[in-house]
Amino acid sequence: MVAGRKAGKKKTTTKKKTTNKATTTARNENNNKNDNDKNKKTRVRGVASFSNADRVNFVTGFRKRKNERRKKAAGEFERKLKEERRQSKMRKRQMFREALGMQKEEEEEEE
């Protein structure tokens, strides 16, 4: 134990925060410059107008469109899975034919 301190207490010091007016002004100018750059990049090029029915359909249709994407992705996954199974079966058959020597006989018959 250190002399002059009680166990469990830490000596804390407070440091007064000083600000420099020149630094603060420079920061504000940089912020304003960045804001102006952002405004230049964002331009309104036209106005989109929707009928009320189209607007309601768009606003309320997020779930519907999300479910459509899910169904499409599930169908695509299922199609790829079937194709992979078919390819696997064909490779397996090919390996058996090669192991039994059937492939050579079939090629001779075709000639």
PDB file of N, CA and C in Angstrom:
ATOM      1  N   MET A   1       0.835  -1.170   0.000  1.00  0.00           N
ATOM      2  CA  MET A   1       0.000   0.000   0.000  1.00  0.00           C
ATOM      3  C   MET A   1       0.885   1.239   0.000  1.00  0.00           C
ATOM      4  N   VAL A   2       0.473   2.200  -0.810  1.00  0.00           N
ATOM      5  CA  VAL A   2       1.246   3.434  -0.930  1.00  0.00           C
ATOM      6  C   VAL A   2       0.949   4.312   0.273  1.00  0.00           C
ATOM      7  N   ALA A   3       1.996   4.916   0.790  1.00  0.00           N
ATOM      8  CA  ALA A   3       1.836   5.762   1.970  1.00  0.00           C
ATOM      9  C   ALA A   3       1.000   6.981   1.631  1.00  0.00           C
ATOM     10  N   GLY A   4       0.065   7.297   2.490  1.00  0.00           N
ATOM     11  CA  GLY A   4      -0.731   8.499   2.319  1.00  0.00           C
ATOM     12  C   GLY A   4      -2.020   8.279   1.535  1.00  0.00           C
ATOM     13  N   ARG A   5      -2.269   7.092   1.037  1.00  0.00           N
ATOM     14  CA  ARG A   5      -3.514   6.800   0.298  1.00  0.00           C
ATOM     15  C   ARG A   5      -4.275   5.701   1.012  1.00  0.00           C
ATOM     16  N   LYS A   6      -5.569   5.790   0.935  1.00  0.00           N
ATOM     17  CA  LYS A   6      -6.397   4.725   1.480  1.00  0.00           C
ATOM     18  C   LYS A   6      -6.640   3.704   0.377  1.00  0.00           C
ATOM     19  N   ALA A   7      -6.840   2.479   0.760  1.00  0.00           N
ATOM     20  CA  ALA A   7      -7.061   1.417  -0.215  1.00  0.00           C
ATOM     21  C   ALA A   7      -8.362   1.676  -0.968  1.00  0.00           C
ATOM     22  N   GLY A   8      -8.330   1.507  -2.291  1.00  0.00           N
ATOM     23  CA  GLY A   8      -9.533   1.628  -3.103  1.00  0.00           C
ATOM     24  C   GLY A   8      -9.772   3.013  -3.656  1.00  0.00           C
ATOM     25  N   LYS A   9      -9.117   4.014  -3.182  1.00  0.00           N
ATOM     26  CA  LYS A   9      -9.320   5.357  -3.706  1.00  0.00           C
ATOM     27  C   LYS A   9      -8.211   5.703  -4.674  1.00  0.00           C
ATOM     28  N   LYS A  10      -8.580   6.365  -5.746  1.00  0.00           N
ATOM     29  CA  LYS A  10      -7.606   6.812  -6.731  1.00  0.00           C
ATOM     30  C   LYS A  10      -7.510   8.319  -6.674  1.00  0.00           C
ATOM     31  N   LYS A  11      -6.328   8.813  -6.887  1.00  0.00           N
ATOM     32  CA  LYS A  11      -6.128  10.253  -6.914  1.00  0.00           C
ATOM     33  C   LYS A  11      -6.594  10.781  -8.265  1.00  0.00           C
ATOM     34  N   THR A  12      -7.473  11.727  -8.248  1.00  0.00           N
ATOM     35  CA  THR A  12      -7.995  12.279  -9.491  1.00  0.00           C
ATOM     36  C   THR A  12      -7.579  13.732  -9.623  1.00  0.00           C
ATOM     37  N   THR A  13      -7.326  14.093 -10.848  1.00  0.00           N
ATOM     38  CA  THR A  13      -6.986  15.488 -11.111  1.00  0.00           C
ATOM     39  C   THR A  13      -7.961  16.014 -12.147  1.00  0.00           C
ATOM     40  N   THR A  14      -8.303  17.262 -12.023  1.00  0.00           N
ATOM     41  CA  THR A  14      -9.189  17.878 -13.002  1.00  0.00           C
ATOM     42  C   THR A  14      -8.364  18.833 -13.841  1.00  0.00           C
ATOM     43  N   LYS A  15      -8.615  18.771 -15.123  1.00  0.00           N
ATOM     44  CA  LYS A  15      -7.890  19.629 -16.047  1.00  0.00           C
ATOM     45  C   LYS A  15      -8.905  20.552 -16.701  1.00  0.00           C
ATOM     46  N   LYS A  16      -8.629  21.821 -16.642  1.00  0.00           N
ATOM     47  CA  LYS A  16      -9.537  22.782 -17.231  1.00  0.00           C
ATOM     48  C   LYS A  16      -9.351  22.784 -18.737  1.00  0.00           C
ATOM     49  N   LYS A  17     -10.460  22.684 -19.433  1.00  0.00           N
ATOM     50  CA  LYS A  17     -10.429  22.632 -20.889  1.00  0.00           C
ATOM     51  C   LYS A  17     -10.362  24.060 -21.432  1.00  0.00           C
ATOM     52  N   THR A  18      -9.383  24.294 -22.262  1.00  0.00           N
ATOM     53  CA  THR A  18      -9.240  25.618 -22.849  1.00  0.00           C
ATOM     54  C   THR A  18      -9.557  25.532 -24.333  1.00  0.00           C
ATOM     55  N   THR A  19     -10.149  26.578 -24.842  1.00  0.00           N
ATOM     56  CA  THR A  19     -10.464  26.612 -26.268  1.00  0.00           C
ATOM     57  C   THR A  19      -9.771  27.799 -26.899  1.00  0.00           C
ATOM     58  N   ASN A  20      -9.366  27.594 -28.096  1.00  0.00           N
ATOM     59  CA  ASN A  20      -8.701  28.642 -28.857  1.00  0.00           C
ATOM     60  C   ASN A  20      -9.718  29.176 -29.857  1.00  0.00           C
ATOM     61  N   LYS A  21      -9.964  30.469 -29.868  1.00  0.00           N
ATOM     62  CA  LYS A  21     -10.968  31.039 -30.763  1.00  0.00           C
ATOM     63  C   LYS A  21     -10.626  30.809 -32.222  1.00  0.00           C
ATOM     64  N   ALA A  22      -9.344  30.865 -32.565  1.00  0.00           N
ATOM     65  CA  ALA A  22      -8.938  30.662 -33.956  1.00  0.00           C
ATOM     66  C   ALA A  22      -9.254  29.230 -34.394  1.00  0.00           C
ATOM     67  N   THR A  23      -8.992  28.274 -33.512  1.00  0.00           N
ATOM     68  CA  THR A  23      -9.268  26.873 -33.830  1.00  0.00           C
ATOM     69  C   THR A  23     -10.763  26.646 -33.990  1.00  0.00           C
ATOM     70  N   THR A  24     -11.549  27.216 -33.095  1.00  0.00           N
ATOM     71  CA  THR A  24     -12.998  27.073 -33.154  1.00  0.00           C
ATOM     72  C   THR A  24     -13.542  27.672 -34.442  1.00  0.00           C
ATOM     73  N   THR A  25     -13.051  28.830 -34.821  1.00  0.00           N
ATOM     74  CA  THR A  25     -13.494  29.482 -36.049  1.00  0.00           C
ATOM     75  C   THR A  25     -13.135  28.635 -37.265  1.00  0.00           C
ATOM     76  N   ALA A  26     -11.949  28.072 -37.272  1.00  0.00           N
ATOM     77  CA  ALA A  26     -11.520  27.241 -38.396  1.00  0.00           C
ATOM     78  C   ALA A  26     -12.407  26.012 -38.514  1.00  0.00           C
ATOM     79  N   ARG A  27     -12.746  25.406 -37.358  1.00  0.00           N
ATOM     80  CA  ARG A  27     -13.621  24.232 -37.387  1.00  0.00           C
ATOM     81  C   ARG A  27     -14.993  24.589 -37.946  1.00  0.00           C
ATOM     82  N   ASN A  28     -15.540  25.714 -37.513  1.00  0.00           N
ATOM     83  CA  ASN A  28     -16.849  26.134 -37.998  1.00  0.00           C
ATOM     84  C   ASN A  28     -16.827  26.385 -39.501  1.00  0.00           C
ATOM     85  N   GLU A  29     -15.759  27.000 -39.986  1.00  0.00           N
ATOM     86  CA  GLU A  29     -15.647  27.256 -41.422  1.00  0.00           C
ATOM     87  C   GLU A  29     -15.572  25.946 -42.203  1.00  0.00           C
ATOM     88  N   ASN A  30     -14.817  24.978 -41.678  1.00  0.00           N
ATOM     89  CA  ASN A  30     -14.725  23.672 -42.338  1.00  0.00           C
ATOM     90  C   ASN A  30     -16.078  22.979 -42.367  1.00  0.00           C
ATOM     91  N   ASN A  31     -16.818  23.074 -41.260  1.00  0.00           N
ATOM     92  CA  ASN A  31     -18.142  22.468 -41.218  1.00  0.00           C
ATOM     93  C   ASN A  31     -19.061  23.111 -42.240  1.00  0.00           C
ATOM     94  N   ASN A  32     -19.019  24.439 -42.334  1.00  0.00           N
ATOM     95  CA  ASN A  32     -19.847  25.142 -43.305  1.00  0.00           C
ATOM     96  C   ASN A  32     -19.457  24.748 -44.725  1.00  0.00           C
ATOM     97  N   LYS A  33     -18.179  24.603 -44.964  1.00  0.00           N
ATOM     98  CA  LYS A  33     -17.699  24.216 -46.289  1.00  0.00           C
ATOM     99  C   LYS A  33     -18.218  22.824 -46.646  1.00  0.00           C
ATOM    100  N   ASN A  34     -18.150  21.899 -45.676  1.00  0.00           N
ATOM    101  CA  ASN A  34     -18.646  20.547 -45.920  1.00  0.00           C
ATOM    102  C   ASN A  34     -20.146  20.556 -46.172  1.00  0.00           C
ATOM    103  N   ASP A  35     -20.884  21.375 -45.430  1.00  0.00           N
ATOM    104  CA  ASP A  35     -22.327  21.469 -45.638  1.00  0.00           C
ATOM    105  C   ASP A  35     -22.631  21.967 -47.043  1.00  0.00           C
ATOM    106  N   ASN A  36     -21.871  22.954 -47.516  1.00  0.00           N
ATOM    107  CA  ASN A  36     -22.084  23.484 -48.856  1.00  0.00           C
ATOM    108  C   ASN A  36     -21.789  22.418 -49.908  1.00  0.00           C
ATOM    109  N   ASP A  37     -20.741  21.622 -49.697  1.00  0.00           N
ATOM    110  CA  ASP A  37     -20.412  20.547 -50.636  1.00  0.00           C
ATOM    111  C   ASP A  37     -21.538  19.521 -50.688  1.00  0.00           C
ATOM    112  N   LYS A  38     -22.101  19.206 -49.535  1.00  0.00           N
ATOM    113  CA  LYS A  38     -23.196  18.235 -49.490  1.00  0.00           C
ATOM    114  C   LYS A  38     -24.402  18.771 -50.246  1.00  0.00           C
ATOM    115  N   ASN A  39     -24.687  20.042 -50.071  1.00  0.00           N
ATOM    116  CA  ASN A  39     -25.832  20.634 -50.746  1.00  0.00           C
ATOM    117  C   ASN A  39     -25.636  20.651 -52.256  1.00  0.00           C
ATOM    118  N   LYS A  40     -24.401  20.831 -52.698  1.00  0.00           N
ATOM    119  CA  LYS A  40     -24.138  20.846 -54.133  1.00  0.00           C
ATOM    120  C   LYS A  40     -24.373  19.470 -54.749  1.00  0.00           C
ATOM    121  N   LYS A  41     -24.052  18.422 -53.993  1.00  0.00           N
ATOM    122  CA  LYS A  41     -24.195  17.063 -54.517  1.00  0.00           C
ATOM    123  C   LYS A  41     -25.661  16.650 -54.593  1.00  0.00           C
ATOM    124  N   THR A  42     -26.490  17.161 -53.717  1.00  0.00           N
ATOM    125  CA  THR A  42     -27.894  16.788 -53.673  1.00  0.00           C
ATOM    126  C   THR A  42     -28.680  17.771 -54.522  1.00  0.00           C
ATOM    127  N   ARG A  43     -29.155  17.300 -55.628  1.00  0.00           N
ATOM    128  CA  ARG A  43     -29.928  18.160 -56.517  1.00  0.00           C
ATOM    129  C   ARG A  43     -31.279  17.515 -56.795  1.00  0.00           C
ATOM    130  N   VAL A  44     -32.279  18.323 -56.877  1.00  0.00           N
ATOM    131  CA  VAL A  44     -33.599  17.849 -57.233  1.00  0.00           C
ATOM    132  C   VAL A  44     -33.712  17.965 -58.743  1.00  0.00           C
ATOM    133  N   ARG A  45     -33.913  16.855 -59.388  1.00  0.00           N
ATOM    134  CA  ARG A  45     -33.925  16.861 -60.855  1.00  0.00           C
ATOM    135  C   ARG A  45     -35.328  16.858 -61.438  1.00  0.00           C
ATOM    136  N   GLY A  46     -36.284  16.531 -60.651  1.00  0.00           N
ATOM    137  CA  GLY A  46     -37.642  16.501 -61.152  1.00  0.00           C
ATOM    138  C   GLY A  46     -38.582  16.171 -60.013  1.00  0.00           C
ATOM    139  N   VAL A  47     -39.832  16.215 -60.303  1.00  0.00           N
ATOM    140  CA  VAL A  47     -40.822  15.932 -59.284  1.00  0.00           C
ATOM    141  C   VAL A  47     -41.578  14.685 -59.703  1.00  0.00           C
ATOM    142  N   ALA A  48     -41.659  13.720 -58.803  1.00  0.00           N
ATOM    143  CA  ALA A  48     -42.403  12.496 -59.067  1.00  0.00           C
ATOM    144  C   ALA A  48     -43.795  12.660 -58.487  1.00  0.00           C
ATOM    145  N   SER A  49     -44.778  12.362 -59.294  1.00  0.00           N
ATOM    146  CA  SER A  49     -46.138  12.458 -58.797  1.00  0.00           C
ATOM    147  C   SER A  49     -46.824  11.113 -58.998  1.00  0.00           C
ATOM    148  N   PHE A  50     -47.545  10.687 -58.004  1.00  0.00           N
ATOM    149  CA  PHE A  50     -48.239   9.409 -58.031  1.00  0.00           C
ATOM    150  C   PHE A  50     -49.714   9.649 -57.775  1.00  0.00           C
ATOM    151  N   SER A  51     -50.510   8.787 -58.311  1.00  0.00           N
ATOM    152  CA  SER A  51     -51.916   8.845 -57.938  1.00  0.00           C
ATOM    153  C   SER A  51     -52.018   8.308 -56.516  1.00  0.00           C
ATOM    154  N   ASN A  52     -53.081   8.607 -55.865  1.00  0.00           N
ATOM    155  CA  ASN A  52     -53.236   8.193 -54.473  1.00  0.00           C
ATOM    156  C   ASN A  52     -53.197   6.671 -54.351  1.00  0.00           C
ATOM    157  N   ALA A  53     -53.809   5.957 -55.277  1.00  0.00           N
ATOM    158  CA  ALA A  53     -53.818   4.491 -55.224  1.00  0.00           C
ATOM    159  C   ALA A  53     -52.403   3.936 -55.396  1.00  0.00           C
ATOM    160  N   ASP A  54     -51.635   4.517 -56.333  1.00  0.00           N
ATOM    161  CA  ASP A  54     -50.256   4.069 -56.533  1.00  0.00           C
ATOM    162  C   ASP A  54     -49.396   4.367 -55.306  1.00  0.00           C
ATOM    163  N   ARG A  55     -49.616   5.526 -54.704  1.00  0.00           N
ATOM    164  CA  ARG A  55     -48.845   5.890 -53.514  1.00  0.00           C
ATOM    165  C   ARG A  55     -49.143   4.932 -52.366  1.00  0.00           C
ATOM    166  N   VAL A  56     -50.411   4.626 -52.144  1.00  0.00           N
ATOM    167  CA  VAL A  56     -50.799   3.699 -51.070  1.00  0.00           C
ATOM    168  C   VAL A  56     -50.225   2.318 -51.350  1.00  0.00           C
ATOM    169  N   ASN A  57     -50.271   1.891 -52.606  1.00  0.00           N
ATOM    170  CA  ASN A  57     -49.726   0.590 -52.977  1.00  0.00           C
ATOM    171  C   ASN A  57     -48.222   0.541 -52.705  1.00  0.00           C
ATOM    172  N   PHE A  58     -47.533   1.603 -53.036  1.00  0.00           N
ATOM    173  CA  PHE A  58     -46.085   1.654 -52.804  1.00  0.00           C
ATOM    174  C   PHE A  58     -45.762   1.629 -51.320  1.00  0.00           C
ATOM    175  N   VAL A  59     -46.455   2.463 -50.560  1.00  0.00           N
ATOM    176  CA  VAL A  59     -46.162   2.586 -49.135  1.00  0.00           C
ATOM    177  C   VAL A  59     -46.517   1.305 -48.388  1.00  0.00           C
ATOM    178  N   THR A  60     -47.618   0.687 -48.725  1.00  0.00           N
ATOM    179  CA  THR A  60     -48.063  -0.499 -47.985  1.00  0.00           C
ATOM    180  C   THR A  60     -47.564  -1.795 -48.600  1.00  0.00           C
ATOM    181  N   GLY A  61     -46.908  -1.741 -49.734  1.00  0.00           N
ATOM    182  CA  GLY A  61     -46.526  -2.959 -50.433  1.00  0.00           C
ATOM    183  C   GLY A  61     -45.152  -3.496 -50.119  1.00  0.00           C
ATOM    184  N   PHE A  62     -44.455  -2.947 -49.131  1.00  0.00           N
ATOM    185  CA  PHE A  62     -43.102  -3.410 -48.826  1.00  0.00           C
ATOM    186  C   PHE A  62     -43.093  -4.885 -48.444  1.00  0.00           C
ATOM    187  N   ARG A  63     -44.011  -5.268 -47.587  1.00  0.00           N
ATOM    188  CA  ARG A  63     -44.061  -6.666 -47.136  1.00  0.00           C
ATOM    189  C   ARG A  63     -44.364  -7.597 -48.295  1.00  0.00           C
ATOM    190  N   LYS A  64     -45.300  -7.181 -49.127  1.00  0.00           N
ATOM    191  CA  LYS A  64     -45.671  -7.999 -50.284  1.00  0.00           C
ATOM    192  C   LYS A  64     -44.481  -8.193 -51.219  1.00  0.00           C
ATOM    193  N   ARG A  65     -43.774  -7.114 -51.523  1.00  0.00           N
ATOM    194  CA  ARG A  65     -42.612  -7.216 -52.420  1.00  0.00           C
ATOM    195  C   ARG A  65     -41.490  -8.032 -51.788  1.00  0.00           C
ATOM    196  N   LYS A  66     -41.325  -7.882 -50.480  1.00  0.00           N
ATOM    197  CA  LYS A  66     -40.298  -8.657 -49.781  1.00  0.00           C
ATOM    198  C   LYS A  66     -40.621 -10.148 -49.853  1.00  0.00           C
ATOM    199  N   ASN A  67     -41.867 -10.498 -49.646  1.00  0.00           N
ATOM    200  CA  ASN A  67     -42.274 -11.910 -49.727  1.00  0.00           C
ATOM    201  C   ASN A  67     -42.121 -12.446 -51.149  1.00  0.00           C
ATOM    202  N   GLU A  68     -42.399 -11.626 -52.151  1.00  0.00           N
ATOM    203  CA  GLU A  68     -42.199 -12.047 -53.544  1.00  0.00           C
ATOM    204  C   GLU A  68     -40.727 -12.343 -53.804  1.00  0.00           C
ATOM    205  N   ARG A  69     -39.841 -11.483 -53.297  1.00  0.00           N
ATOM    206  CA  ARG A  69     -38.396 -11.731 -53.459  1.00  0.00           C
ATOM    207  C   ARG A  69     -37.987 -13.011 -52.761  1.00  0.00           C
ATOM    208  N   ARG A  70     -38.548 -13.263 -51.583  1.00  0.00           N
ATOM    209  CA  ARG A  70     -38.233 -14.491 -50.849  1.00  0.00           C
ATOM    210  C   ARG A  70     -38.678 -15.729 -51.633  1.00  0.00           C
ATOM    211  N   LYS A  71     -39.891 -15.680 -52.182  1.00  0.00           N
ATOM    212  CA  LYS A  71     -40.392 -16.820 -52.961  1.00  0.00           C
ATOM    213  C   LYS A  71     -39.541 -17.057 -54.194  1.00  0.00           C
ATOM    214  N   LYS A  72     -39.153 -15.980 -54.855  1.00  0.00           N
ATOM    215  CA  LYS A  72     -38.318 -16.100 -56.039  1.00  0.00           C
ATOM    216  C   LYS A  72     -36.965 -16.711 -55.680  1.00  0.00           C
ATOM    217  N   ALA A  73     -36.378 -16.249 -54.582  1.00  0.00           N
ATOM    218  CA  ALA A  73     -35.079 -16.773 -54.138  1.00  0.00           C
ATOM    219  C   ALA A  73     -35.207 -18.240 -53.737  1.00  0.00           C
ATOM    220  N   ALA A  74     -36.302 -18.599 -53.071  1.00  0.00           N
ATOM    221  CA  ALA A  74     -36.499 -19.991 -52.669  1.00  0.00           C
ATOM    222  C   ALA A  74     -36.651 -20.879 -53.900  1.00  0.00           C
ATOM    223  N   GLY A  75     -37.381 -20.403 -54.907  1.00  0.00           N
ATOM    224  CA  GLY A  75     -37.541 -21.167 -56.152  1.00  0.00           C
ATOM    225  C   GLY A  75     -36.213 -21.347 -56.861  1.00  0.00           C
ATOM    226  N   GLU A  76     -35.419 -20.297 -56.899  1.00  0.00           N
ATOM    227  CA  GLU A  76     -34.097 -20.370 -57.532  1.00  0.00           C
ATOM    228  C   GLU A  76     -33.198 -21.346 -56.782  1.00  0.00           C
ATOM    229  N   PHE A  77     -33.246 -21.303 -55.450  1.00  0.00           N
ATOM    230  CA  PHE A  77     -32.449 -22.226 -54.650  1.00  0.00           C
ATOM    231  C   PHE A  77     -32.862 -23.661 -54.911  1.00  0.00           C
ATOM    232  N   GLU A  78     -34.163 -23.896 -54.974  1.00  0.00           N
ATOM    233  CA  GLU A  78     -34.691 -25.246 -55.233  1.00  0.00           C
ATOM    234  C   GLU A  78     -34.256 -25.734 -56.612  1.00  0.00           C
ATOM    235  N   ARG A  79     -34.292 -24.850 -57.607  1.00  0.00           N
ATOM    236  CA  ARG A  79     -33.875 -25.224 -58.957  1.00  0.00           C
ATOM    237  C   ARG A  79     -32.395 -25.600 -58.985  1.00  0.00           C
ATOM    238  N   LYS A  80     -31.572 -24.814 -58.313  1.00  0.00           N
ATOM    239  CA  LYS A  80     -30.136 -25.102 -58.267  1.00  0.00           C
ATOM    240  C   LYS A  80     -29.872 -26.414 -57.530  1.00  0.00           C
ATOM    241  N   LEU A  81     -30.633 -26.667 -56.472  1.00  0.00           N
ATOM    242  CA  LEU A  81     -30.472 -27.901 -55.714  1.00  0.00           C
ATOM    243  C   LEU A  81     -30.817 -29.117 -56.577  1.00  0.00           C
ATOM    244  N   LYS A  82     -31.903 -29.017 -57.347  1.00  0.00           N
ATOM    245  CA  LYS A  82     -32.277 -30.115 -58.252  1.00  0.00           C
ATOM    246  C   LYS A  82     -31.192 -30.356 -59.288  1.00  0.00           C
ATOM    247  N   GLU A  83     -30.672 -29.268 -59.847  1.00  0.00           N
ATOM    248  CA  GLU A  83     -29.629 -29.387 -60.857  1.00  0.00           C
ATOM    249  C   GLU A  83     -28.381 -30.038 -60.265  1.00  0.00           C
ATOM    250  N   GLU A  84     -28.028 -29.656 -59.047  1.00  0.00           N
ATOM    251  CA  GLU A  84     -26.864 -30.247 -58.392  1.00  0.00           C
ATOM    252  C   GLU A  84     -27.078 -31.735 -58.136  1.00  0.00           C
ATOM    253  N   ARG A  85     -28.281 -32.111 -57.709  1.00  0.00           N
ATOM    254  CA  ARG A  85     -28.581 -33.538 -57.501  1.00  0.00           C
ATOM    255  C   ARG A  85     -28.478 -34.305 -58.813  1.00  0.00           C
ATOM    256  N   ARG A  86     -29.013 -33.730 -59.878  1.00  0.00           N
ATOM    257  CA  ARG A  86     -28.963 -34.387 -61.186  1.00  0.00           C
ATOM    258  C   ARG A  86     -27.516 -34.574 -61.633  1.00  0.00           C
ATOM    259  N   GLN A  87     -26.706 -33.535 -61.463  1.00  0.00           N
ATOM    260  CA  GLN A  87     -25.291 -33.635 -61.834  1.00  0.00           C
ATOM    261  C   GLN A  87     -24.580 -34.687 -60.995  1.00  0.00           C
ATOM    262  N   SER A  88     -24.909 -34.741 -59.712  1.00  0.00           N
ATOM    263  CA  SER A  88     -24.289 -35.720 -58.823  1.00  0.00           C
ATOM    264  C   SER A  88     -24.638 -37.141 -59.259  1.00  0.00           C
ATOM    265  N   LYS A  89     -25.894 -37.371 -59.609  1.00  0.00           N
ATOM    266  CA  LYS A  89     -26.311 -38.703 -60.071  1.00  0.00           C
ATOM    267  C   LYS A  89     -25.596 -39.085 -61.362  1.00  0.00           C
ATOM    268  N   MET A  90     -25.469 -38.116 -62.275  1.00  0.00           N
ATOM    269  CA  MET A  90     -24.791 -38.406 -63.535  1.00  0.00           C
ATOM    270  C   MET A  90     -23.319 -38.733 -63.299  1.00  0.00           C
ATOM    271  N   ARG A  91     -22.665 -37.999 -62.407  1.00  0.00           N
ATOM    272  CA  ARG A  91     -21.266 -38.300 -62.090  1.00  0.00           C
ATOM    273  C   ARG A  91     -21.132 -39.681 -61.474  1.00  0.00           C
ATOM    274  N   LYS A  92     -22.075 -40.031 -60.586  1.00  0.00           N
ATOM    275  CA  LYS A  92     -22.054 -41.333 -59.927  1.00  0.00           C
ATOM    276  C   LYS A  92     -22.228 -42.457 -60.952  1.00  0.00           C
ATOM    277  N   ARG A  93     -23.180 -42.285 -61.871  1.00  0.00           N
ATOM    278  CA  ARG A  93     -23.400 -43.289 -62.928  1.00  0.00           C
ATOM    279  C   ARG A  93     -22.154 -43.445 -63.798  1.00  0.00           C
ATOM    280  N   GLN A  94     -21.554 -42.306 -64.120  1.00  0.00           N
ATOM    281  CA  GLN A  94     -20.353 -42.319 -64.960  1.00  0.00           C
ATOM    282  C   GLN A  94     -19.229 -43.084 -64.262  1.00  0.00           C
ATOM    283  N   MET A  95     -19.075 -42.859 -62.975  1.00  0.00           N
ATOM    284  CA  MET A  95     -18.032 -43.558 -62.224  1.00  0.00           C
ATOM    285  C   MET A  95     -18.286 -45.064 -62.215  1.00  0.00           C
ATOM    286  N   PHE A  96     -19.546 -45.483 -62.038  1.00  0.00           N
ATOM    287  CA  PHE A  96     -19.864 -46.915 -62.046  1.00  0.00           C
ATOM    288  C   PHE A  96     -19.591 -47.525 -63.416  1.00  0.00           C
ATOM    289  N   ARG A  97     -19.975 -46.808 -64.439  1.00  0.00           N
ATOM    290  CA  ARG A  97     -19.728 -47.315 -65.798  1.00  0.00           C
ATOM    291  C   ARG A  97     -18.245 -47.485 -66.059  1.00  0.00           C
ATOM    292  N   GLU A  98     -17.464 -46.497 -65.658  1.00  0.00           N
ATOM    293  CA  GLU A  98     -16.017 -46.602 -65.848  1.00  0.00           C
ATOM    294  C   GLU A  98     -15.442 -47.748 -65.035  1.00  0.00           C
ATOM    295  N   ALA A  99     -15.948 -47.944 -63.804  1.00  0.00           N
ATOM    296  CA  ALA A  99     -15.450 -49.022 -62.950  1.00  0.00           C
ATOM    297  C   ALA A  99     -15.780 -50.390 -63.543  1.00  0.00           C
ATOM    298  N   LEU A 100     -16.926 -50.515 -64.189  1.00  0.00           N
ATOM    299  CA  LEU A 100     -17.334 -51.792 -64.763  1.00  0.00           C
ATOM    300  C   LEU A 100     -16.853 -51.973 -66.196  1.00  0.00           C
ATOM    301  N   GLY A 101     -16.326 -50.941 -66.776  1.00  0.00           N
ATOM    302  CA  GLY A 101     -15.856 -51.023 -68.154  1.00  0.00           C
ATOM    303  C   GLY A 101     -16.973 -50.937 -69.167  1.00  0.00           C
ATOM    304  N   MET A 102     -18.131 -50.474 -68.740  1.00  0.00           N
ATOM    305  CA  MET A 102     -19.277 -50.400 -69.649  1.00  0.00           C
ATOM    306  C   MET A 102     -19.128 -49.251 -70.639  1.00  0.00           C
ATOM    307  N   GLN A 103     -18.441 -48.246 -70.274  1.00  0.00           N
ATOM    308  CA  GLN A 103     -18.309 -47.084 -71.142  1.00  0.00           C
ATOM    309  C   GLN A 103     -17.610 -47.458 -72.435  1.00  0.00           C
ATOM    310  N   LYS A 104     -16.562 -48.276 -72.352  1.00  0.00           N
ATOM    311  CA  LYS A 104     -15.810 -48.658 -73.535  1.00  0.00           C
ATOM    312  C   LYS A 104     -16.664 -49.499 -74.472  1.00  0.00           C
ATOM    313  N   GLU A 105     -17.484 -50.381 -73.917  1.00  0.00           N
ATOM    314  CA  GLU A 105     -18.345 -51.223 -74.742  1.00  0.00           C
ATOM    315  C   GLU A 105     -19.368 -50.377 -75.494  1.00  0.00           C
ATOM    316  N   GLU A 106     -19.944 -49.391 -74.829  1.00  0.00           N
ATOM    317  CA  GLU A 106     -20.941 -48.534 -75.464  1.00  0.00           C
ATOM    318  C   GLU A 106     -20.308 -47.725 -76.591  1.00  0.00           C
ATOM    319  N   GLU A 107     -19.077 -47.295 -76.389  1.00  0.00           N
ATOM    320  CA  GLU A 107     -18.391 -46.508 -77.420  1.00  0.00           C
ATOM    321  C   GLU A 107     -18.087 -47.399 -78.629  1.00  0.00           C
ATOM    322  N   GLU A 108     -17.736 -48.661 -78.404  1.00  0.00           N
ATOM    323  CA  GLU A 108     -17.439 -49.593 -79.496  1.00  0.00           C
ATOM    324  C   GLU A 108     -18.706 -49.906 -80.292  1.00  0.00           C
ATOM    325  N   GLU A 109     -19.828 -50.030 -79.616  1.00  0.00           N
ATOM    326  CA  GLU A 109     -21.094 -50.330 -80.289  1.00  0.00           C
ATOM    327  C   GLU A 109     -21.515 -49.160 -81.179  1.00  0.00           C
ATOM    328  N   GLU A 110     -21.257 -47.949 -80.756  1.00  0.00           N
ATOM    329  CA  GLU A 110     -21.633 -46.768 -81.527  1.00  0.00           C
ATOM    330  C   GLU A 110     -20.812 -46.655 -82.804  1.00  0.00           C
ATOM    331  N   GLU A 111     -19.594 -47.115 -82.803  1.00  0.00           N
ATOM    332  CA  GLU A 111     -18.750 -47.001 -83.989  1.00  0.00           C
ATOM    333  C   GLU A 111     -19.169 -48.007 -84.985  1.00  0.00           C
TER     334      GLU A 111
END
